[in-house]
Full PDB file with SEQRES, HELIX, SHEET, SSBOND, CRYST1, ORIGX, SCALE, CONECT and MASTER records, all heavy atoms in Angstrom:
SEQRES   1 A   40  GLU GLY TYR GLU ALA GLU VAL TYR ASP LYS ARG GLY PHE          
SEQRES   2 A   40  VAL ALA PHE GLY THR TYR SER PRO ASN SER ARG ILE ARG          
SEQRES   3 A   40  PHE ARG PHE LEU GLY PHE GLU ARG GLU ARG ILE ASN GLY          
SEQRES   4 A   40  ASP                                                          
SHEET    1 AA1 3 GLU A   4  ASP A   9  0                                        
SHEET    2 AA1 3 GLY A  12  TYR A  19 -1                                        
SHEET    3 AA1 3 PHE A  27  GLY A  31 -1                                        
CRYST1    1.000    1.000    1.000  90.00  90.00  90.00 P 1           1          
ORIGX1      1.000000  0.000000  0.000000        0.00000                         
ORIGX2      0.000000  1.000000  0.000000        0.00000                         
ORIGX3      0.000000  0.000000  1.000000        0.00000                         
SCALE1      1.000000  0.000000  0.000000        0.00000                         
SCALE2      0.000000  1.000000  0.000000        0.00000                         
SCALE3      0.000000  0.000000  1.000000        0.00000                         
ATOM      1  N   GLU A   1      22.990   7.750   9.123  1.00  0.00           N  
ATOM      2  CA  GLU A   1      22.355   8.950   8.586  1.00  0.00           C  
ATOM      3  C   GLU A   1      21.755   8.654   7.231  1.00  0.00           C  
ATOM      4  O   GLU A   1      22.137   7.704   6.555  1.00  0.00           O  
ATOM      5  CB  GLU A   1      23.383  10.084   8.474  1.00  0.00           C  
ATOM      6  CG  GLU A   1      23.943  10.562   9.788  1.00  0.00           C  
ATOM      7  CD  GLU A   1      24.933  11.691   9.609  1.00  0.00           C  
ATOM      8  OE1 GLU A   1      25.256  12.014   8.447  1.00  0.00           O  
ATOM      9  OE2 GLU A   1      25.379  12.261  10.625  1.00  0.00           O  
ATOM     10  N   GLY A   2      20.813   9.504   6.819  1.00  0.00           N  
ATOM     11  CA  GLY A   2      20.175   9.339   5.513  1.00  0.00           C  
ATOM     12  C   GLY A   2      18.664   9.334   5.630  1.00  0.00           C  
ATOM     13  O   GLY A   2      18.107   9.583   6.706  1.00  0.00           O  
ATOM     14  N   TYR A   3      18.020   9.039   4.523  1.00  0.00           N  
ATOM     15  CA  TYR A   3      16.554   9.067   4.480  1.00  0.00           C  
ATOM     16  C   TYR A   3      15.945   7.713   4.136  1.00  0.00           C  
ATOM     17  O   TYR A   3      14.735   7.558   4.172  1.00  0.00           O  
ATOM     18  CB  TYR A   3      16.089  10.135   3.478  1.00  0.00           C  
ATOM     19  CG  TYR A   3      16.530  11.515   3.906  1.00  0.00           C  
ATOM     20  CD1 TYR A   3      17.647  12.119   3.340  1.00  0.00           C  
ATOM     21  CD2 TYR A   3      15.851  12.191   4.907  1.00  0.00           C  
ATOM     22  CE1 TYR A   3      18.062  13.377   3.739  1.00  0.00           C  
ATOM     23  CE2 TYR A   3      16.251  13.457   5.327  1.00  0.00           C  
ATOM     24  CZ  TYR A   3      17.360  14.043   4.731  1.00  0.00           C  
ATOM     25  OH  TYR A   3      17.776  15.278   5.155  1.00  0.00           O  
ATOM     26  N   GLU A   4      16.791   6.741   3.794  1.00  0.00           N  
ATOM     27  CA  GLU A   4      16.345   5.362   3.669  1.00  0.00           C  
ATOM     28  C   GLU A   4      16.612   4.668   4.999  1.00  0.00           C  
ATOM     29  O   GLU A   4      17.634   4.927   5.643  1.00  0.00           O  
ATOM     30  CB  GLU A   4      17.084   4.641   2.544  1.00  0.00           C  
ATOM     31  CG  GLU A   4      16.850   5.249   1.174  1.00  0.00           C  
ATOM     32  CD  GLU A   4      17.632   4.533   0.087  1.00  0.00           C  
ATOM     33  OE1 GLU A   4      17.501   3.300  -0.009  1.00  0.00           O  
ATOM     34  OE2 GLU A   4      18.378   5.206  -0.639  1.00  0.00           O  
ATOM     35  N   ALA A   5      15.697   3.796   5.412  1.00  0.00           N  
ATOM     36  CA  ALA A   5      15.822   3.233   6.758  1.00  0.00           C  
ATOM     37  C   ALA A   5      15.423   1.773   6.800  1.00  0.00           C  
ATOM     38  O   ALA A   5      14.599   1.307   6.014  1.00  0.00           O  
ATOM     39  CB  ALA A   5      14.967   4.036   7.744  1.00  0.00           C  
ATOM     40  N   GLU A   6      16.017   1.076   7.752  1.00  0.00           N  
ATOM     41  CA  GLU A   6      15.639  -0.299   8.068  1.00  0.00           C  
ATOM     42  C   GLU A   6      15.266  -0.364   9.545  1.00  0.00           C  
ATOM     43  O   GLU A   6      15.980   0.169  10.393  1.00  0.00           O  
ATOM     44  CB  GLU A   6      16.791  -1.258   7.780  1.00  0.00           C  
ATOM     45  CG  GLU A   6      17.169  -1.320   6.310  1.00  0.00           C  
ATOM     46  CD  GLU A   6      18.391  -2.190   6.072  1.00  0.00           C  
ATOM     47  OE1 GLU A   6      19.073  -2.549   7.062  1.00  0.00           O  
ATOM     48  OE2 GLU A   6      18.669  -2.507   4.901  1.00  0.00           O  
ATOM     49  N   VAL A   7      14.143  -1.009   9.820  1.00  0.00           N  
ATOM     50  CA  VAL A   7      13.705  -1.212  11.199  1.00  0.00           C  
ATOM     51  C   VAL A   7      14.155  -2.597  11.660  1.00  0.00           C  
ATOM     52  O   VAL A   7      13.995  -3.587  10.931  1.00  0.00           O  
ATOM     53  CB  VAL A   7      12.175  -1.066  11.327  1.00  0.00           C  
ATOM     54  CG1 VAL A   7      11.678  -1.589  12.674  1.00  0.00           C  
ATOM     55  CG2 VAL A   7      11.772   0.392  11.163  1.00  0.00           C  
ATOM     56  N   TYR A   8      14.698  -2.651  12.870  1.00  0.00           N  
ATOM     57  CA  TYR A   8      15.142  -3.905  13.470  1.00  0.00           C  
ATOM     58  C   TYR A   8      14.497  -4.067  14.840  1.00  0.00           C  
ATOM     59  O   TYR A   8      14.174  -3.091  15.513  1.00  0.00           O  
ATOM     60  CB  TYR A   8      16.665  -3.905  13.655  1.00  0.00           C  
ATOM     61  CG  TYR A   8      17.451  -4.045  12.384  1.00  0.00           C  
ATOM     62  CD1 TYR A   8      17.680  -2.937  11.575  1.00  0.00           C  
ATOM     63  CD2 TYR A   8      17.966  -5.274  11.989  1.00  0.00           C  
ATOM     64  CE1 TYR A   8      18.404  -3.040  10.403  1.00  0.00           C  
ATOM     65  CE2 TYR A   8      18.693  -5.391  10.818  1.00  0.00           C  
ATOM     66  CZ  TYR A   8      18.911  -4.279  10.025  1.00  0.00           C  
ATOM     67  OH  TYR A   8      19.632  -4.400   8.861  1.00  0.00           O  
ATOM     68  N   ASP A   9      14.319  -5.334  15.232  1.00  0.00           N  
ATOM     69  CA  ASP A   9      14.057  -5.634  16.635  1.00  0.00           C  
ATOM     70  C   ASP A   9      15.191  -6.540  17.123  1.00  0.00           C  
ATOM     71  O   ASP A   9      16.175  -6.748  16.398  1.00  0.00           O  
ATOM     72  CB  ASP A   9      12.668  -6.254  16.839  1.00  0.00           C  
ATOM     73  CG  ASP A   9      12.475  -7.570  16.090  1.00  0.00           C  
ATOM     74  OD1 ASP A   9      13.497  -8.197  15.702  1.00  0.00           O  
ATOM     75  OD2 ASP A   9      11.326  -7.990  15.891  1.00  0.00           O  
ATOM     76  N   LYS A  10      15.093  -7.090  18.310  1.00  0.00           N  
ATOM     77  CA  LYS A  10      16.196  -7.885  18.855  1.00  0.00           C  
ATOM     78  C   LYS A  10      16.460  -9.160  18.066  1.00  0.00           C  
ATOM     79  O   LYS A  10      17.532  -9.775  18.194  1.00  0.00           O  
ATOM     80  CB  LYS A  10      15.906  -8.227  20.314  1.00  0.00           C  
ATOM     81  CG  LYS A  10      14.657  -9.058  20.536  1.00  0.00           C  
ATOM     82  CD  LYS A  10      14.369  -9.216  22.012  1.00  0.00           C  
ATOM     83  CE  LYS A  10      13.094 -10.010  22.249  1.00  0.00           C  
ATOM     84  NZ  LYS A  10      12.769 -10.112  23.690  1.00  0.00           N  
ATOM     85  N   ARG A  11      15.502  -9.559  17.201  1.00  0.00           N  
ATOM     86  CA  ARG A  11      15.690 -10.774  16.401  1.00  0.00           C  
ATOM     87  C   ARG A  11      16.268 -10.480  15.025  1.00  0.00           C  
ATOM     88  O   ARG A  11      16.666 -11.391  14.314  1.00  0.00           O  
ATOM     89  CB  ARG A  11      14.355 -11.510  16.255  1.00  0.00           C  
ATOM     90  CG  ARG A  11      13.902 -12.229  17.518  1.00  0.00           C  
ATOM     91  CD  ARG A  11      12.484 -12.742  17.412  1.00  0.00           C  
ATOM     92  NE  ARG A  11      11.543 -11.641  17.339  1.00  0.00           N  
ATOM     93  CZ  ARG A  11      11.070 -10.994  18.412  1.00  0.00           C  
ATOM     94  NH1 ARG A  11      11.477 -11.333  19.622  1.00  0.00           N  
ATOM     95  NH2 ARG A  11      10.208 -10.010  18.280  1.00  0.00           N  
ATOM     96  N   GLY A  12      16.244  -9.197  14.600  1.00  0.00           N  
ATOM     97  CA  GLY A  12      16.807  -8.867  13.303  1.00  0.00           C  
ATOM     98  C   GLY A  12      15.940  -7.936  12.480  1.00  0.00           C  
ATOM     99  O   GLY A  12      15.081  -7.208  13.012  1.00  0.00           O  
ATOM    100  N   PHE A  13      16.128  -7.969  11.161  1.00  0.00           N  
ATOM    101  CA  PHE A  13      15.463  -7.065  10.227  1.00  0.00           C  
ATOM    102  C   PHE A  13      13.937  -7.256  10.253  1.00  0.00           C  
ATOM    103  O   PHE A  13      13.441  -8.377  10.247  1.00  0.00           O  
ATOM    104  CB  PHE A  13      15.996  -7.313   8.818  1.00  0.00           C  
ATOM    105  CG  PHE A  13      15.308  -6.521   7.741  1.00  0.00           C  
ATOM    106  CD1 PHE A  13      15.642  -5.195   7.515  1.00  0.00           C  
ATOM    107  CD2 PHE A  13      14.330  -7.109   6.947  1.00  0.00           C  
ATOM    108  CE1 PHE A  13      15.015  -4.459   6.510  1.00  0.00           C  
ATOM    109  CE2 PHE A  13      13.703  -6.391   5.949  1.00  0.00           C  
ATOM    110  CZ  PHE A  13      14.042  -5.067   5.730  1.00  0.00           C  
ATOM    111  N   VAL A  14      13.219  -6.129  10.244  1.00  0.00           N  
ATOM    112  CA  VAL A  14      11.752  -6.148  10.256  1.00  0.00           C  
ATOM    113  C   VAL A  14      11.174  -5.563   8.974  1.00  0.00           C  
ATOM    114  O   VAL A  14      10.339  -6.179   8.318  1.00  0.00           O  
ATOM    115  CB  VAL A  14      11.188  -5.375  11.474  1.00  0.00           C  
ATOM    116  CG1 VAL A  14       9.653  -5.309  11.407  1.00  0.00           C  
ATOM    117  CG2 VAL A  14      11.638  -6.021  12.770  1.00  0.00           C  
ATOM    118  N   ALA A  15      11.599  -4.352   8.587  1.00  0.00           N  
ATOM    119  CA  ALA A  15      10.975  -3.678   7.438  1.00  0.00           C  
ATOM    120  C   ALA A  15      11.900  -2.596   6.899  1.00  0.00           C  
ATOM    121  O   ALA A  15      12.838  -2.138   7.564  1.00  0.00           O  
ATOM    122  CB  ALA A  15       9.646  -3.071   7.850  1.00  0.00           C  
ATOM    123  N   PHE A  16      11.594  -2.204   5.680  1.00  0.00           N  
ATOM    124  CA  PHE A  16      12.334  -1.165   4.965  1.00  0.00           C  
ATOM    125  C   PHE A  16      11.424   0.038   4.741  1.00  0.00           C  
ATOM    126  O   PHE A  16      10.217  -0.111   4.543  1.00  0.00           O  
ATOM    127  CB  PHE A  16      12.815  -1.726   3.625  1.00  0.00           C  
ATOM    128  CG  PHE A  16      13.367  -0.698   2.674  1.00  0.00           C  
ATOM    129  CD1 PHE A  16      14.613  -0.137   2.899  1.00  0.00           C  
ATOM    130  CD2 PHE A  16      12.643  -0.303   1.563  1.00  0.00           C  
ATOM    131  CE1 PHE A  16      15.122   0.814   2.024  1.00  0.00           C  
ATOM    132  CE2 PHE A  16      13.152   0.634   0.678  1.00  0.00           C  
ATOM    133  CZ  PHE A  16      14.396   1.202   0.916  1.00  0.00           C  
ATOM    134  N   GLY A  17      11.994   1.252   4.793  1.00  0.00           N  
ATOM    135  CA  GLY A  17      11.172   2.431   4.566  1.00  0.00           C  
ATOM    136  C   GLY A  17      11.991   3.702   4.540  1.00  0.00           C  
ATOM    137  O   GLY A  17      13.178   3.686   4.189  1.00  0.00           O  
ATOM    138  N   THR A  18      11.353   4.805   4.903  1.00  0.00           N  
ATOM    139  CA  THR A  18      12.024   6.099   4.902  1.00  0.00           C  
ATOM    140  C   THR A  18      12.124   6.644   6.315  1.00  0.00           C  
ATOM    141  O   THR A  18      11.335   6.293   7.195  1.00  0.00           O  
ATOM    142  CB  THR A  18      11.271   7.115   4.012  1.00  0.00           C  
ATOM    143  OG1 THR A  18       9.957   7.345   4.551  1.00  0.00           O  
ATOM    144  CG2 THR A  18      11.167   6.607   2.582  1.00  0.00           C  
ATOM    145  N   TYR A  19      13.094   7.546   6.517  1.00  0.00           N  
ATOM    146  CA  TYR A  19      13.358   8.111   7.836  1.00  0.00           C  
ATOM    147  C   TYR A  19      13.284   9.624   7.778  1.00  0.00           C  
ATOM    148  O   TYR A  19      13.944  10.265   6.948  1.00  0.00           O  
ATOM    149  CB  TYR A  19      14.745   7.673   8.314  1.00  0.00           C  
ATOM    150  CG  TYR A  19      15.138   8.236   9.660  1.00  0.00           C  
ATOM    151  CD1 TYR A  19      14.506   7.814  10.827  1.00  0.00           C  
ATOM    152  CD2 TYR A  19      16.153   9.186   9.767  1.00  0.00           C  
ATOM    153  CE1 TYR A  19      14.872   8.321  12.069  1.00  0.00           C  
ATOM    154  CE2 TYR A  19      16.538   9.698  11.000  1.00  0.00           C  
ATOM    155  CZ  TYR A  19      15.877   9.264  12.154  1.00  0.00           C  
ATOM    156  OH  TYR A  19      16.245   9.765  13.379  1.00  0.00           O  
ATOM    157  N   SER A  20      12.450  10.213   8.645  1.00  0.00           N  
ATOM    158  CA  SER A  20      12.327  11.672   8.754  1.00  0.00           C  
ATOM    159  C   SER A  20      12.933  12.100  10.088  1.00  0.00           C  
ATOM    160  O   SER A  20      12.298  11.915  11.139  1.00  0.00           O  
ATOM    161  CB  SER A  20      10.857  12.097   8.686  1.00  0.00           C  
ATOM    162  OG  SER A  20      10.285  11.804   7.438  1.00  0.00           O  
ATOM    163  N   PRO A  21      14.123  12.675  10.093  1.00  0.00           N  
ATOM    164  CA  PRO A  21      14.840  12.912  11.347  1.00  0.00           C  
ATOM    165  C   PRO A  21      14.191  13.917  12.290  1.00  0.00           C  
ATOM    166  O   PRO A  21      14.453  13.886  13.491  1.00  0.00           O  
ATOM    167  CB  PRO A  21      16.216  13.408  10.880  1.00  0.00           C  
ATOM    168  CG  PRO A  21      15.994  13.914   9.495  1.00  0.00           C  
ATOM    169  CD  PRO A  21      14.925  13.055   8.909  1.00  0.00           C  
ATOM    170  N   ASN A  22      13.342  14.812  11.767  1.00  0.00           N  
ATOM    171  CA  ASN A  22      12.764  15.859  12.611  1.00  0.00           C  
ATOM    172  C   ASN A  22      11.255  15.738  12.783  1.00  0.00           C  
ATOM    173  O   ASN A  22      10.632  16.602  13.402  1.00  0.00           O  
ATOM    174  CB  ASN A  22      13.098  17.239  12.028  1.00  0.00           C  
ATOM    175  CG  ASN A  22      14.596  17.468  11.936  1.00  0.00           C  
ATOM    176  OD1 ASN A  22      15.319  17.250  12.894  1.00  0.00           O  
ATOM    177  ND2 ASN A  22      15.057  17.884  10.767  1.00  0.00           N  
ATOM    178  N   SER A  23      10.675  14.690  12.241  1.00  0.00           N  
ATOM    179  CA  SER A  23       9.223  14.534  12.262  1.00  0.00           C  
ATOM    180  C   SER A  23       8.773  13.693  13.448  1.00  0.00           C  
ATOM    181  O   SER A  23       9.518  12.842  13.952  1.00  0.00           O  
ATOM    182  CB  SER A  23       8.758  13.873  10.968  1.00  0.00           C  
ATOM    183  OG  SER A  23       7.386  13.550  11.019  1.00  0.00           O  
ATOM    184  N   ARG A  24       7.543  13.926  13.886  1.00  0.00           N  
ATOM    185  CA  ARG A  24       6.938  13.038  14.886  1.00  0.00           C  
ATOM    186  C   ARG A  24       6.828  11.634  14.340  1.00  0.00           C  
ATOM    187  O   ARG A  24       6.994  10.652  15.055  1.00  0.00           O  
ATOM    188  CB  ARG A  24       5.546  13.574  15.261  1.00  0.00           C  
ATOM    189  CG  ARG A  24       4.854  12.809  16.374  1.00  0.00           C  
ATOM    190  CD  ARG A  24       3.552  13.489  16.744  1.00  0.00           C  
ATOM    191  NE  ARG A  24       2.588  13.403  15.653  1.00  0.00           N  
ATOM    192  CZ  ARG A  24       1.639  12.471  15.564  1.00  0.00           C  
ATOM    193  NH1 ARG A  24       1.533  11.530  16.494  1.00  0.00           N  
ATOM    194  NH2 ARG A  24       0.801  12.473  14.554  1.00  0.00           N  
ATOM    195  N   ILE A  25       6.539  11.513  13.015  1.00  0.00           N  
ATOM    196  CA  ILE A  25       6.517  10.216  12.339  1.00  0.00           C  
ATOM    197  C   ILE A  25       7.920   9.985  11.772  1.00  0.00           C  
ATOM    198  O   ILE A  25       8.266  10.498  10.714  1.00  0.00           O  
ATOM    199  CB  ILE A  25       5.467  10.193  11.207  1.00  0.00           C  
ATOM    200  CG1 ILE A  25       4.096  10.594  11.738  1.00  0.00           C  
ATOM    201  CG2 ILE A  25       5.413   8.804  10.566  1.00  0.00           C  
ATOM    202  CD1 ILE A  25       3.071  10.854  10.649  1.00  0.00           C  
ATOM    203  N   ARG A  26       8.725   9.208  12.476  1.00  0.00           N  
ATOM    204  CA  ARG A  26      10.124   9.047  12.073  1.00  0.00           C  
ATOM    205  C   ARG A  26      10.290   8.039  10.935  1.00  0.00           C  
ATOM    206  O   ARG A  26      11.126   8.215  10.063  1.00  0.00           O  
ATOM    207  CB  ARG A  26      10.971   8.613  13.278  1.00  0.00           C  
ATOM    208  CG  ARG A  26      11.123   9.679  14.334  1.00  0.00           C  
ATOM    209  CD  ARG A  26      11.940  10.857  13.830  1.00  0.00           C  
ATOM    210  NE  ARG A  26      11.827  12.010  14.696  1.00  0.00           N  
ATOM    211  CZ  ARG A  26      12.619  12.253  15.726  1.00  0.00           C  
ATOM    212  NH1 ARG A  26      13.579  11.403  16.037  1.00  0.00           N  
ATOM    213  NH2 ARG A  26      12.452  13.344  16.447  1.00  0.00           N  
ATOM    214  N   PHE A  27       9.514   6.971  10.960  1.00  0.00           N  
ATOM    215  CA  PHE A  27       9.663   5.906   9.962  1.00  0.00           C  
ATOM    216  C   PHE A  27       8.347   5.711   9.225  1.00  0.00           C  
ATOM    217  O   PHE A  27       7.276   5.647   9.842  1.00  0.00           O  
ATOM    218  CB  PHE A  27      10.069   4.592  10.627  1.00  0.00           C  
ATOM    219  CG  PHE A  27      10.137   3.411   9.692  1.00  0.00           C  
ATOM    220  CD1 PHE A  27      11.247   3.198   8.899  1.00  0.00           C  
ATOM    221  CD2 PHE A  27       9.072   2.515   9.605  1.00  0.00           C  
ATOM    222  CE1 PHE A  27      11.313   2.104   8.029  1.00  0.00           C  
ATOM    223  CE2 PHE A  27       9.127   1.426   8.746  1.00  0.00           C  
ATOM    224  CZ  PHE A  27      10.245   1.216   7.955  1.00  0.00           C  
ATOM    225  N   ARG A  28       8.434   5.628   7.882  1.00  0.00           N  
ATOM    226  CA  ARG A  28       7.276   5.315   7.049  1.00  0.00           C  
ATOM    227  C   ARG A  28       7.577   4.048   6.253  1.00  0.00           C  
ATOM    228  O   ARG A  28       8.561   3.970   5.533  1.00  0.00           O  
ATOM    229  CB  ARG A  28       6.934   6.468   6.103  1.00  0.00           C  
ATOM    230  CG  ARG A  28       6.313   7.681   6.800  1.00  0.00           C  
ATOM    231  CD  ARG A  28       6.100   8.819   5.820  1.00  0.00           C  
ATOM    232  NE  ARG A  28       5.255   9.863   6.356  1.00  0.00           N  
ATOM    233  CZ  ARG A  28       5.668  10.866   7.114  1.00  0.00           C  
ATOM    234  NH1 ARG A  28       6.960  10.939   7.432  1.00  0.00           N  
ATOM    235  NH2 ARG A  28       4.829  11.788   7.556  1.00  0.00           N  
ATOM    236  N   PHE A  29       6.712   3.081   6.378  1.00  0.00           N  
ATOM    237  CA  PHE A  29       6.897   1.748   5.791  1.00  0.00           C  
ATOM    238  C   PHE A  29       6.818   1.780   4.267  1.00  0.00           C  
ATOM    239  O   PHE A  29       5.918   2.389   3.682  1.00  0.00           O  
ATOM    240  CB  PHE A  29       5.805   0.836   6.355  1.00  0.00           C  
ATOM    241  CG  PHE A  29       5.760  -0.545   5.764  1.00  0.00           C  
ATOM    242  CD1 PHE A  29       6.532  -1.562   6.292  1.00  0.00           C  
ATOM    243  CD2 PHE A  29       4.917  -0.830   4.690  1.00  0.00           C  
ATOM    244  CE1 PHE A  29       6.475  -2.847   5.760  1.00  0.00           C  
ATOM    245  CE2 PHE A  29       4.860  -2.102   4.157  1.00  0.00           C  
ATOM    246  CZ  PHE A  29       5.647  -3.114   4.687  1.00  0.00           C  
ATOM    247  N   LEU A  30       7.763   1.062   3.634  1.00  0.00           N  
ATOM    248  CA  LEU A  30       7.731   0.858   2.180  1.00  0.00           C  
ATOM    249  C   LEU A  30       7.600  -0.614   1.807  1.00  0.00           C  
ATOM    250  O   LEU A  30       7.069  -0.935   0.747  1.00  0.00           O  
ATOM    251  CB  LEU A  30       8.987   1.426   1.521  1.00  0.00           C  
ATOM    252  CG  LEU A  30       9.160   2.946   1.543  1.00  0.00           C  
ATOM    253  CD1 LEU A  30      10.495   3.324   0.907  1.00  0.00           C  
ATOM    254  CD2 LEU A  30       8.011   3.660   0.850  1.00  0.00           C  
ATOM    255  N   GLY A  31       8.088  -1.514   2.650  1.00  0.00           N  
ATOM    256  CA  GLY A  31       8.001  -2.924   2.311  1.00  0.00           C  
ATOM    257  C   GLY A  31       8.787  -3.792   3.287  1.00  0.00           C  
ATOM    258  O   GLY A  31       9.481  -3.300   4.174  1.00  0.00           O  
ATOM    259  N   PHE A  32       8.678  -5.096   3.067  1.00  0.00           N  
ATOM    260  CA  PHE A  32       9.370  -6.058   3.912  1.00  0.00           C  
ATOM    261  C   PHE A  32      10.677  -6.541   3.289  1.00  0.00           C  
ATOM    262  O   PHE A  32      11.351  -7.406   3.832  1.00  0.00           O  
ATOM    263  CB  PHE A  32       8.466  -7.259   4.197  1.00  0.00           C  
ATOM    264  CG  PHE A  32       7.313  -6.933   5.109  1.00  0.00           C  
ATOM    265  CD1 PHE A  32       6.006  -7.126   4.686  1.00  0.00           C  
ATOM    266  CD2 PHE A  32       7.535  -6.439   6.384  1.00  0.00           C  
ATOM    267  CE1 PHE A  32       4.946  -6.831   5.521  1.00  0.00           C  
ATOM    268  CE2 PHE A  32       6.481  -6.140   7.225  1.00  0.00           C  
ATOM    269  CZ  PHE A  32       5.184  -6.336   6.793  1.00  0.00           C  
ATOM    270  N   GLU A  33      11.016  -5.997   2.114  1.00  0.00           N  
ATOM    271  CA  GLU A  33      12.280  -6.337   1.474  1.00  0.00           C  
ATOM    272  C   GLU A  33      13.059  -5.068   1.188  1.00  0.00           C  
ATOM    273  O   GLU A  33      12.497  -4.044   0.816  1.00  0.00           O  
ATOM    274  CB  GLU A  33      12.029  -7.096   0.156  1.00  0.00           C  
ATOM    275  CG  GLU A  33      11.359  -8.450   0.339  1.00  0.00           C  
ATOM    276  CD  GLU A  33      11.182  -9.176  -0.988  1.00  0.00           C  
ATOM    277  OE1 GLU A  33      11.668  -8.643  -2.010  1.00  0.00           O  
ATOM    278  OE2 GLU A  33      10.575 -10.250  -0.988  1.00  0.00           O  
ATOM    279  N   ARG A  34      14.355  -5.130   1.343  1.00  0.00           N  
ATOM    280  CA  ARG A  34      15.208  -3.985   1.061  1.00  0.00           C  
ATOM    281  C   ARG A  34      15.203  -3.698  -0.434  1.00  0.00           C  
ATOM    282  O   ARG A  34      15.338  -4.603  -1.258  1.00  0.00           O  
ATOM    283  CB  ARG A  34      16.637  -4.271   1.528  1.00  0.00           C  
ATOM    284  CG  ARG A  34      16.776  -4.537   3.016  1.00  0.00           C  
ATOM    285  CD  ARG A  34      18.202  -4.929   3.323  1.00  0.00           C  
ATOM    286  NE  ARG A  34      18.450  -5.174   4.737  1.00  0.00           N  
ATOM    287  CZ  ARG A  34      18.304  -6.356   5.327  1.00  0.00           C  
ATOM    288  NH1 ARG A  34      17.917  -7.409   4.604  1.00  0.00           N  
ATOM    289  NH2 ARG A  34      18.566  -6.500   6.611  1.00  0.00           N  
ATOM    290  N   GLU A  35      15.053  -2.426  -0.792  1.00  0.00           N  
ATOM    291  CA  GLU A  35      15.108  -2.017  -2.194  1.00  0.00           C  
ATOM    292  C   GLU A  35      15.924  -0.739  -2.298  1.00  0.00           C  
ATOM    293  O   GLU A  35      16.034   0.031  -1.341  1.00  0.00           O  
ATOM    294  CB  GLU A  35      13.704  -1.757  -2.746  1.00  0.00           C  
ATOM    295  CG  GLU A  35      12.809  -2.976  -2.820  1.00  0.00           C  
ATOM    296  CD  GLU A  35      11.500  -2.668  -3.517  1.00  0.00           C  
ATOM    297  OE1 GLU A  35      11.523  -2.390  -4.725  1.00  0.00           O  
ATOM    298  OE2 GLU A  35      10.456  -2.699  -2.837  1.00  0.00           O  
ATOM    299  N   ARG A  36      16.451  -0.501  -3.466  1.00  0.00           N  
ATOM    300  CA  ARG A  36      17.138   0.751  -3.724  1.00  0.00           C  
ATOM    301  C   ARG A  36      16.113   1.758  -4.249  1.00  0.00           C  
ATOM    302  O   ARG A  36      15.383   1.474  -5.201  1.00  0.00           O  
ATOM    303  CB  ARG A  36      18.249   0.540  -4.762  1.00  0.00           C  
ATOM    304  CG  ARG A  36      19.065   1.793  -5.023  1.00  0.00           C  
ATOM    305  CD  ARG A  36      20.161   1.537  -6.028  1.00  0.00           C  
ATOM    306  NE  ARG A  36      20.912   2.753  -6.295  1.00  0.00           N  
ATOM    307  CZ  ARG A  36      21.869   2.855  -7.203  1.00  0.00           C  
ATOM    308  NH1 ARG A  36      22.199   1.793  -7.947  1.00  0.00           N  
ATOM    309  NH2 ARG A  36      22.506   3.994  -7.389  1.00  0.00           N  
ATOM    310  N   ILE A  37      16.051   2.923  -3.609  1.00  0.00           N  
ATOM    311  CA  ILE A  37      15.081   3.932  -4.026  1.00  0.00           C  
ATOM    312  C   ILE A  37      15.666   4.759  -5.159  1.00  0.00           C  
ATOM    313  O   ILE A  37      16.652   5.493  -4.996  1.00  0.00           O  
ATOM    314  CB  ILE A  37      14.688   4.838  -2.841  1.00  0.00           C  
ATOM    315  CG1 ILE A  37      14.005   4.010  -1.750  1.00  0.00           C  
ATOM    316  CG2 ILE A  37      13.762   5.951  -3.311  1.00  0.00           C  
ATOM    317  CD1 ILE A  37      13.581   4.805  -0.533  1.00  0.00           C  
ATOM    318  N   ASN A  38      15.064   4.606  -6.336  1.00  0.00           N  
ATOM    319  CA  ASN A  38      15.461   5.353  -7.528  1.00  0.00           C  
ATOM    320  C   ASN A  38      14.253   5.444  -8.455  1.00  0.00           C  
ATOM    321  O   ASN A  38      13.129   5.101  -8.066  1.00  0.00           O  
ATOM    322  CB  ASN A  38      16.658   4.679  -8.221  1.00  0.00           C  
ATOM    323  CG  ASN A  38      16.401   3.201  -8.507  1.00  0.00           C  
ATOM    324  OD1 ASN A  38      15.256   2.767  -8.649  1.00  0.00           O  
ATOM    325  ND2 ASN A  38      17.470   2.416  -8.587  1.00  0.00           N  
ATOM    326  N   GLY A  39      14.475   5.890  -9.672  1.00  0.00           N  
ATOM    327  CA  GLY A  39      13.366   6.018 -10.616  1.00  0.00           C  
ATOM    328  C   GLY A  39      12.694   4.693 -10.912  1.00  0.00           C  
ATOM    329  O   GLY A  39      11.465   4.618 -11.042  1.00  0.00           O  
ATOM    330  N   ASP A  40      13.470   3.628 -11.007  1.00  0.00           N  
ATOM    331  CA  ASP A  40      12.901   2.308 -11.278  1.00  0.00           C  
ATOM    332  C   ASP A  40      12.016   1.836 -10.126  1.00  0.00           C  
ATOM    333  O   ASP A  40      10.990   1.177 -10.349  1.00  0.00           O  
ATOM    334  CB  ASP A  40      14.027   1.293 -11.517  1.00  0.00           C  
ATOM    335  CG  ASP A  40      14.777   1.545 -12.819  1.00  0.00           C  
ATOM    336  OD1 ASP A  40      14.206   2.199 -13.706  1.00  0.00           O  
ATOM    337  OD2 ASP A  40      15.934   1.099 -12.930  1.00  0.00           O  
TER     338      ASP A  40                                                      
MASTER        0    0    0    0    3    0    0    6  337    1    0    4          
END                                                                             
C-alpha cells in the first residue's frame, strides 16, 4: 500500500514512480533509480 511505487517484471526492478489506486493511470514514472520523495 502507499503512493510510492516500484515496477517489476519477471527479471526484477524496472522503474520508480507514483501509484494512484483508483485511477485509470495507475503508475506514473519518476525515474530508473529508487528515491525518497520529500522536499529535497
